[in-house]
Amino acid sequence: MSKANIPIVITKEDCHRCHELKDWLKENDVKYIERDIDDEEFVSELLHDKNFLGTFCDADGCIVNTPAVLHKGKYWFK
């Protein structure tokens, strides 16, 4: 599987739903890359992604509920 096809799981510390999702992915042998929403470098990358801006941001700012999954250019979240 190429790196582009591996989902990115966006998490943050002390997020119980993040831990539940990661546990489920591991139990089902789904490979993923974890990125922390509190990582300033990662946030900078997100702020240059038009899909991210259109999904999570408006004139008042950006709100990301974790976990969120980025796969094949689309964001998935609950």
PDB file of N, CA and C in Angstrom:
ATOM      1  N   MET A   1       0.861  -1.183   0.000  1.00  0.00           N
ATOM      2  CA  MET A   1       0.000   0.000   0.000  1.00  0.00           C
ATOM      3  C   MET A   1       0.898   1.234   0.000  1.00  0.00           C
ATOM      4  N   SER A   2       0.640   2.135  -0.927  1.00  0.00           N
ATOM      5  CA  SER A   2       1.450   3.350  -0.972  1.00  0.00           C
ATOM      6  C   SER A   2       1.059   4.269   0.176  1.00  0.00           C
ATOM      7  N   LYS A   3       1.999   5.136   0.532  1.00  0.00           N
ATOM      8  CA  LYS A   3       1.758   6.046   1.659  1.00  0.00           C
ATOM      9  C   LYS A   3       0.539   6.930   1.405  1.00  0.00           C
ATOM     10  N   ALA A   4       0.267   7.268   0.132  1.00  0.00           N
ATOM     11  CA  ALA A   4      -0.878   8.118  -0.203  1.00  0.00           C
ATOM     12  C   ALA A   4      -2.207   7.431   0.096  1.00  0.00           C
ATOM     13  N   ASN A   5      -2.211   6.098   0.117  1.00  0.00           N
ATOM     14  CA  ASN A   5      -3.450   5.359   0.382  1.00  0.00           C
ATOM     15  C   ASN A   5      -3.642   5.017   1.849  1.00  0.00           C
ATOM     16  N   ILE A   6      -2.671   5.369   2.683  1.00  0.00           N
ATOM     17  CA  ILE A   6      -2.783   5.090   4.116  1.00  0.00           C
ATOM     18  C   ILE A   6      -3.506   6.257   4.780  1.00  0.00           C
ATOM     19  N   PRO A   7      -4.594   5.981   5.491  1.00  0.00           N
ATOM     20  CA  PRO A   7      -5.329   7.069   6.143  1.00  0.00           C
ATOM     21  C   PRO A   7      -4.499   7.758   7.226  1.00  0.00           C
ATOM     22  N   ILE A   8      -4.728   9.046   7.370  1.00  0.00           N
ATOM     23  CA  ILE A   8      -4.119   9.831   8.441  1.00  0.00           C
ATOM     24  C   ILE A   8      -5.189  10.041   9.504  1.00  0.00           C
ATOM     25  N   VAL A   9      -4.893   9.618  10.722  1.00  0.00           N
ATOM     26  CA  VAL A   9      -5.819   9.783  11.836  1.00  0.00           C
ATOM     27  C   VAL A   9      -5.353  10.998  12.637  1.00  0.00           C
ATOM     28  N   ILE A  10      -6.202  12.012  12.687  1.00  0.00           N
ATOM     29  CA  ILE A  10      -5.890  13.246  13.406  1.00  0.00           C
ATOM     30  C   ILE A  10      -6.410  13.100  14.832  1.00  0.00           C
ATOM     31  N   THR A  11      -5.490  13.202  15.786  1.00  0.00           N
ATOM     32  CA  THR A  11      -5.828  12.957  17.185  1.00  0.00           C
ATOM     33  C   THR A  11      -5.341  14.108  18.057  1.00  0.00           C
ATOM     34  N   LYS A  12      -5.683  14.005  19.328  1.00  0.00           N
ATOM     35  CA  LYS A  12      -5.100  14.894  20.333  1.00  0.00           C
ATOM     36  C   LYS A  12      -4.990  14.110  21.633  1.00  0.00           C
ATOM     37  N   GLU A  13      -4.128  14.590  22.506  1.00  0.00           N
ATOM     38  CA  GLU A  13      -3.901  13.925  23.783  1.00  0.00           C
ATOM     39  C   GLU A  13      -5.188  13.933  24.608  1.00  0.00           C
ATOM     40  N   ASP A  14      -5.396  12.875  25.371  1.00  0.00           N
ATOM     41  CA  ASP A  14      -6.558  12.736  26.261  1.00  0.00           C
ATOM     42  C   ASP A  14      -7.888  12.688  25.518  1.00  0.00           C
ATOM     43  N   CYS A  15      -7.887  12.203  24.297  1.00  0.00           N
ATOM     44  CA  CYS A  15      -9.120  12.053  23.511  1.00  0.00           C
ATOM     45  C   CYS A  15      -9.520  10.578  23.551  1.00  0.00           C
ATOM     46  N   HIS A  16     -10.566  10.258  24.331  1.00  0.00           N
ATOM     47  CA  HIS A  16     -10.952   8.849  24.472  1.00  0.00           C
ATOM     48  C   HIS A  16     -11.454   8.260  23.160  1.00  0.00           C
ATOM     49  N   ARG A  17     -12.139   9.055  22.349  1.00  0.00           N
ATOM     50  CA  ARG A  17     -12.610   8.544  21.053  1.00  0.00           C
ATOM     51  C   ARG A  17     -11.441   8.270  20.112  1.00  0.00           C
ATOM     52  N   CYS A  18     -10.373   9.053  20.247  1.00  0.00           N
ATOM     53  CA  CYS A  18      -9.166   8.807  19.443  1.00  0.00           C
ATOM     54  C   CYS A  18      -8.585   7.441  19.792  1.00  0.00           C
ATOM     55  N   HIS A  19      -8.497   7.149  21.090  1.00  0.00           N
ATOM     56  CA  HIS A  19      -7.964   5.857  21.533  1.00  0.00           C
ATOM     57  C   HIS A  19      -8.861   4.716  21.063  1.00  0.00           C
ATOM     58  N   GLU A  20     -10.161   4.908  21.121  1.00  0.00           N
ATOM     59  CA  GLU A  20     -11.090   3.870  20.668  1.00  0.00           C
ATOM     60  C   GLU A  20     -10.914   3.598  19.179  1.00  0.00           C
ATOM     61  N   LEU A  21     -10.794   4.654  18.379  1.00  0.00           N
ATOM     62  CA  LEU A  21     -10.612   4.473  16.940  1.00  0.00           C
ATOM     63  C   LEU A  21      -9.288   3.776  16.646  1.00  0.00           C
ATOM     64  N   LYS A  22      -8.216   4.214  17.285  1.00  0.00           N
ATOM     65  CA  LYS A  22      -6.911   3.589  17.045  1.00  0.00           C
ATOM     66  C   LYS A  22      -6.926   2.120  17.459  1.00  0.00           C
ATOM     67  N   ASP A  23      -7.571   1.796  18.572  1.00  0.00           N
ATOM     68  CA  ASP A  23      -7.693   0.398  18.999  1.00  0.00           C
ATOM     69  C   ASP A  23      -8.442  -0.415  17.955  1.00  0.00           C
ATOM     70  N   TRP A  24      -9.541   0.131  17.433  1.00  0.00           N
ATOM     71  CA  TRP A  24     -10.327  -0.575  16.424  1.00  0.00           C
ATOM     72  C   TRP A  24      -9.503  -0.793  15.156  1.00  0.00           C
ATOM     73  N   LEU A  25      -8.788   0.232  14.721  1.00  0.00           N
ATOM     74  CA  LEU A  25      -7.956   0.107  13.522  1.00  0.00           C
ATOM     75  C   LEU A  25      -6.895  -0.972  13.710  1.00  0.00           C
ATOM     76  N   LYS A  26      -6.265  -0.999  14.877  1.00  0.00           N
ATOM     77  CA  LYS A  26      -5.248  -2.020  15.154  1.00  0.00           C
ATOM     78  C   LYS A  26      -5.863  -3.411  15.181  1.00  0.00           C
ATOM     79  N   GLU A  27      -7.014  -3.561  15.846  1.00  0.00           N
ATOM     80  CA  GLU A  27      -7.684  -4.860  15.927  1.00  0.00           C
ATOM     81  C   GLU A  27      -8.070  -5.378  14.549  1.00  0.00           C
ATOM     82  N   ASN A  28      -8.360  -4.480  13.627  1.00  0.00           N
ATOM     83  CA  ASN A  28      -8.774  -4.857  12.278  1.00  0.00           C
ATOM     84  C   ASN A  28      -7.629  -4.751  11.270  1.00  0.00           C
ATOM     85  N   ASP A  29      -6.410  -4.631  11.780  1.00  0.00           N
ATOM     86  CA  ASP A  29      -5.190  -4.617  10.972  1.00  0.00           C
ATOM     87  C   ASP A  29      -5.234  -3.562   9.863  1.00  0.00           C
ATOM     88  N   VAL A  30      -5.726  -2.384  10.216  1.00  0.00           N
ATOM     89  CA  VAL A  30      -5.766  -1.258   9.277  1.00  0.00           C
ATOM     90  C   VAL A  30      -4.562  -0.370   9.569  1.00  0.00           C
ATOM     91  N   LYS A  31      -3.715  -0.195   8.564  1.00  0.00           N
ATOM     92  CA  LYS A  31      -2.554   0.676   8.733  1.00  0.00           C
ATOM     93  C   LYS A  31      -3.008   2.123   8.678  1.00  0.00           C
ATOM     94  N   TYR A  32      -2.365   2.955   9.486  1.00  0.00           N
ATOM     95  CA  TYR A  32      -2.699   4.378   9.499  1.00  0.00           C
ATOM     96  C   TYR A  32      -1.498   5.170   9.985  1.00  0.00           C
ATOM     97  N   ILE A  33      -1.538   6.459   9.721  1.00  0.00           N
ATOM     98  CA  ILE A  33      -0.529   7.391  10.211  1.00  0.00           C
ATOM     99  C   ILE A  33      -1.228   8.300  11.208  1.00  0.00           C
ATOM    100  N   GLU A  34      -0.662   8.436  12.386  1.00  0.00           N
ATOM    101  CA  GLU A  34      -1.268   9.305  13.403  1.00  0.00           C
ATOM    102  C   GLU A  34      -0.590  10.670  13.386  1.00  0.00           C
ATOM    103  N   ARG A  35      -1.402  11.710  13.389  1.00  0.00           N
ATOM    104  CA  ARG A  35      -0.887  13.085  13.475  1.00  0.00           C
ATOM    105  C   ARG A  35      -1.639  13.796  14.590  1.00  0.00           C
ATOM    106  N   ASP A  36      -0.917  14.546  15.396  1.00  0.00           N
ATOM    107  CA  ASP A  36      -1.477  15.237  16.558  1.00  0.00           C
ATOM    108  C   ASP A  36      -1.899  16.653  16.169  1.00  0.00           C
ATOM    109  N   ILE A  37      -3.141  17.002  16.450  1.00  0.00           N
ATOM    110  CA  ILE A  37      -3.673  18.322  16.108  1.00  0.00           C
ATOM    111  C   ILE A  37      -2.973  19.431  16.895  1.00  0.00           C
ATOM    112  N   ASP A  38      -2.261  19.083  17.946  1.00  0.00           N
ATOM    113  CA  ASP A  38      -1.520  20.083  18.718  1.00  0.00           C
ATOM    114  C   ASP A  38      -0.101  20.316  18.190  1.00  0.00           C
ATOM    115  N   ASP A  39       0.281  19.610  17.129  1.00  0.00           N
ATOM    116  CA  ASP A  39       1.601  19.771  16.505  1.00  0.00           C
ATOM    117  C   ASP A  39       1.549  20.977  15.565  1.00  0.00           C
ATOM    118  N   GLU A  40       2.289  22.020  15.894  1.00  0.00           N
ATOM    119  CA  GLU A  40       2.226  23.279  15.133  1.00  0.00           C
ATOM    120  C   GLU A  40       2.591  23.096  13.662  1.00  0.00           C
ATOM    121  N   GLU A  41       3.566  22.255  13.370  1.00  0.00           N
ATOM    122  CA  GLU A  41       3.961  22.009  11.978  1.00  0.00           C
ATOM    123  C   GLU A  41       2.816  21.359  11.200  1.00  0.00           C
ATOM    124  N   PHE A  42       2.144  20.398  11.828  1.00  0.00           N
ATOM    125  CA  PHE A  42       1.011  19.735  11.184  1.00  0.00           C
ATOM    126  C   PHE A  42      -0.135  20.719  10.963  1.00  0.00           C
ATOM    127  N   VAL A  43      -0.420  21.554  11.949  1.00  0.00           N
ATOM    128  CA  VAL A  43      -1.481  22.561  11.808  1.00  0.00           C
ATOM    129  C   VAL A  43      -1.164  23.501  10.652  1.00  0.00           C
ATOM    130  N   SER A  44       0.090  23.863  10.507  1.00  0.00           N
ATOM    131  CA  SER A  44       0.494  24.714   9.391  1.00  0.00           C
ATOM    132  C   SER A  44       0.194  24.031   8.056  1.00  0.00           C
ATOM    133  N   GLU A  45       0.471  22.728   7.976  1.00  0.00           N
ATOM    134  CA  GLU A  45       0.144  21.968   6.763  1.00  0.00           C
ATOM    135  C   GLU A  45      -1.361  22.000   6.506  1.00  0.00           C
ATOM    136  N   LEU A  46      -2.150  21.783   7.549  1.00  0.00           N
ATOM    137  CA  LEU A  46      -3.606  21.766   7.398  1.00  0.00           C
ATOM    138  C   LEU A  46      -4.134  23.109   6.910  1.00  0.00           C
ATOM    139  N   LEU A  47      -3.555  24.190   7.398  1.00  0.00           N
ATOM    140  CA  LEU A  47      -4.037  25.522   7.026  1.00  0.00           C
ATOM    141  C   LEU A  47      -3.705  25.886   5.581  1.00  0.00           C
ATOM    142  N   HIS A  48      -2.942  25.041   4.906  1.00  0.00           N
ATOM    143  CA  HIS A  48      -2.670  25.220   3.483  1.00  0.00           C
ATOM    144  C   HIS A  48      -3.468  24.232   2.628  1.00  0.00           C
ATOM    145  N   ASP A  49      -4.348  23.462   3.248  1.00  0.00           N
ATOM    146  CA  ASP A  49      -5.158  22.453   2.563  1.00  0.00           C
ATOM    147  C   ASP A  49      -6.569  23.011   2.362  1.00  0.00           C
ATOM    148  N   LYS A  50      -6.945  23.254   1.109  1.00  0.00           N
ATOM    149  CA  LYS A  50      -8.264  23.837   0.817  1.00  0.00           C
ATOM    150  C   LYS A  50      -9.402  22.955   1.317  1.00  0.00           C
ATOM    151  N   ASN A  51      -9.244  21.631   1.230  1.00  0.00           N
ATOM    152  CA  ASN A  51     -10.289  20.738   1.735  1.00  0.00           C
ATOM    153  C   ASN A  51     -10.455  20.883   3.242  1.00  0.00           C
ATOM    154  N   PHE A  52      -9.340  21.008   3.958  1.00  0.00           N
ATOM    155  CA  PHE A  52      -9.407  21.209   5.407  1.00  0.00           C
ATOM    156  C   PHE A  52     -10.121  22.512   5.720  1.00  0.00           C
ATOM    157  N   LEU A  53      -9.694  23.584   5.061  1.00  0.00           N
ATOM    158  CA  LEU A  53     -10.294  24.900   5.319  1.00  0.00           C
ATOM    159  C   LEU A  53     -11.792  24.887   5.037  1.00  0.00           C
ATOM    160  N   GLY A  54     -12.201  24.252   3.949  1.00  0.00           N
ATOM    161  CA  GLY A  54     -13.617  24.194   3.596  1.00  0.00           C
ATOM    162  C   GLY A  54     -14.435  23.321   4.527  1.00  0.00           C
ATOM    163  N   THR A  55     -13.789  22.344   5.154  1.00  0.00           N
ATOM    164  CA  THR A  55     -14.492  21.409   6.031  1.00  0.00           C
ATOM    165  C   THR A  55     -14.581  21.906   7.469  1.00  0.00           C
ATOM    166  N   PHE A  56     -13.501  22.482   7.986  1.00  0.00           N
ATOM    167  CA  PHE A  56     -13.417  22.789   9.410  1.00  0.00           C
ATOM    168  C   PHE A  56     -13.375  24.274   9.758  1.00  0.00           C
ATOM    169  N   CYS A  57     -13.278  25.154   8.756  1.00  0.00           N
ATOM    170  CA  CYS A  57     -13.054  26.571   9.056  1.00  0.00           C
ATOM    171  C   CYS A  57     -14.136  27.459   8.459  1.00  0.00           C
ATOM    172  N   ASP A  58     -14.384  28.578   9.131  1.00  0.00           N
ATOM    173  CA  ASP A  58     -15.260  29.624   8.610  1.00  0.00           C
ATOM    174  C   ASP A  58     -14.652  30.968   8.999  1.00  0.00           C
ATOM    175  N   ALA A  59     -15.407  32.028   8.874  1.00  0.00           N
ATOM    176  CA  ALA A  59     -14.881  33.367   9.155  1.00  0.00           C
ATOM    177  C   ALA A  59     -14.449  33.527  10.614  1.00  0.00           C
ATOM    178  N   ASP A  60     -15.021  32.715  11.509  1.00  0.00           N
ATOM    179  CA  ASP A  60     -14.698  32.817  12.935  1.00  0.00           C
ATOM    180  C   ASP A  60     -13.495  31.979  13.351  1.00  0.00           C
ATOM    181  N   GLY A  61     -13.027  31.089  12.487  1.00  0.00           N
ATOM    182  CA  GLY A  61     -11.876  30.248  12.816  1.00  0.00           C
ATOM    183  C   GLY A  61     -12.113  28.808  12.424  1.00  0.00           C
ATOM    184  N   CYS A  62     -11.288  27.927  12.958  1.00  0.00           N
ATOM    185  CA  CYS A  62     -11.354  26.502  12.641  1.00  0.00           C
ATOM    186  C   CYS A  62     -11.650  25.700  13.905  1.00  0.00           C
ATOM    187  N   ILE A  63     -12.511  24.702  13.757  1.00  0.00           N
ATOM    188  CA  ILE A  63     -12.821  23.794  14.858  1.00  0.00           C
ATOM    189  C   ILE A  63     -12.693  22.375  14.323  1.00  0.00           C
ATOM    190  N   VAL A  64     -11.827  21.590  14.962  1.00  0.00           N
ATOM    191  CA  VAL A  64     -11.624  20.203  14.555  1.00  0.00           C
ATOM    192  C   VAL A  64     -12.013  19.308  15.718  1.00  0.00           C
ATOM    193  N   ASN A  65     -13.029  18.489  15.503  1.00  0.00           N
ATOM    194  CA  ASN A  65     -13.397  17.485  16.493  1.00  0.00           C
ATOM    195  C   ASN A  65     -12.577  16.240  16.206  1.00  0.00           C
ATOM    196  N   THR A  66     -11.885  15.745  17.221  1.00  0.00           N
ATOM    197  CA  THR A  66     -11.066  14.561  17.014  1.00  0.00           C
ATOM    198  C   THR A  66     -11.777  13.330  17.553  1.00  0.00           C
ATOM    199  N   PRO A  67     -11.525  12.189  16.950  1.00  0.00           N
ATOM    200  CA  PRO A  67     -10.606  11.989  15.850  1.00  0.00           C
ATOM    201  C   PRO A  67     -11.238  12.393  14.522  1.00  0.00           C
ATOM    202  N   ALA A  68     -10.394  12.742  13.598  1.00  0.00           N
ATOM    203  CA  ALA A  68     -10.793  12.962  12.213  1.00  0.00           C
ATOM    204  C   ALA A  68      -9.845  12.125  11.366  1.00  0.00           C
ATOM    205  N   VAL A  69     -10.330  11.677  10.234  1.00  0.00           N
ATOM    206  CA  VAL A  69      -9.512  10.842   9.357  1.00  0.00           C
ATOM    207  C   VAL A  69      -9.422  11.519   8.003  1.00  0.00           C
ATOM    208  N   LEU A  70      -8.218  11.633   7.495  1.00  0.00           N
ATOM    209  CA  LEU A  70      -7.977  12.142   6.150  1.00  0.00           C
ATOM    210  C   LEU A  70      -7.594  10.951   5.293  1.00  0.00           C
ATOM    211  N   HIS A  71      -8.415  10.675   4.273  1.00  0.00           N
ATOM    212  CA  HIS A  71      -8.136   9.546   3.388  1.00  0.00           C
ATOM    213  C   HIS A  71      -8.507   9.921   1.968  1.00  0.00           C
ATOM    214  N   LYS A  72      -7.522   9.809   1.087  1.00  0.00           N
ATOM    215  CA  LYS A  72      -7.707  10.114  -0.333  1.00  0.00           C
ATOM    216  C   LYS A  72      -8.270  11.513  -0.537  1.00  0.00           C
ATOM    217  N   GLY A  73      -7.776  12.467   0.249  1.00  0.00           N
ATOM    218  CA  GLY A  73      -8.144  13.866   0.090  1.00  0.00           C
ATOM    219  C   GLY A  73      -9.441  14.287   0.748  1.00  0.00           C
ATOM    220  N   LYS A  74     -10.130  13.352   1.409  1.00  0.00           N
ATOM    221  CA  LYS A  74     -11.405  13.670   2.048  1.00  0.00           C
ATOM    222  C   LYS A  74     -11.289  13.482   3.560  1.00  0.00           C
ATOM    223  N   TYR A  75     -11.926  14.378   4.295  1.00  0.00           N
ATOM    224  CA  TYR A  75     -11.930  14.307   5.758  1.00  0.00           C
ATOM    225  C   TYR A  75     -13.195  13.599   6.232  1.00  0.00           C
ATOM    226  N   TRP A  76     -13.021  12.698   7.183  1.00  0.00           N
ATOM    227  CA  TRP A  76     -14.127  11.951   7.781  1.00  0.00           C
ATOM    228  C   TRP A  76     -14.103  12.212   9.281  1.00  0.00           C
ATOM    229  N   PHE A  77     -15.249  12.516   9.843  1.00  0.00           N
ATOM    230  CA  PHE A  77     -15.331  12.789  11.277  1.00  0.00           C
ATOM    231  C   PHE A  77     -16.776  12.645  11.705  1.00  0.00           C
ATOM    232  N   LYS A  78     -16.979  12.562  13.003  1.00  0.00           N
ATOM    233  CA  LYS A  78     -18.335  12.428  13.531  1.00  0.00           C
ATOM    234  C   LYS A  78     -18.753  13.711  14.187  1.00  0.00           C
TER     235      LYS A  78
END
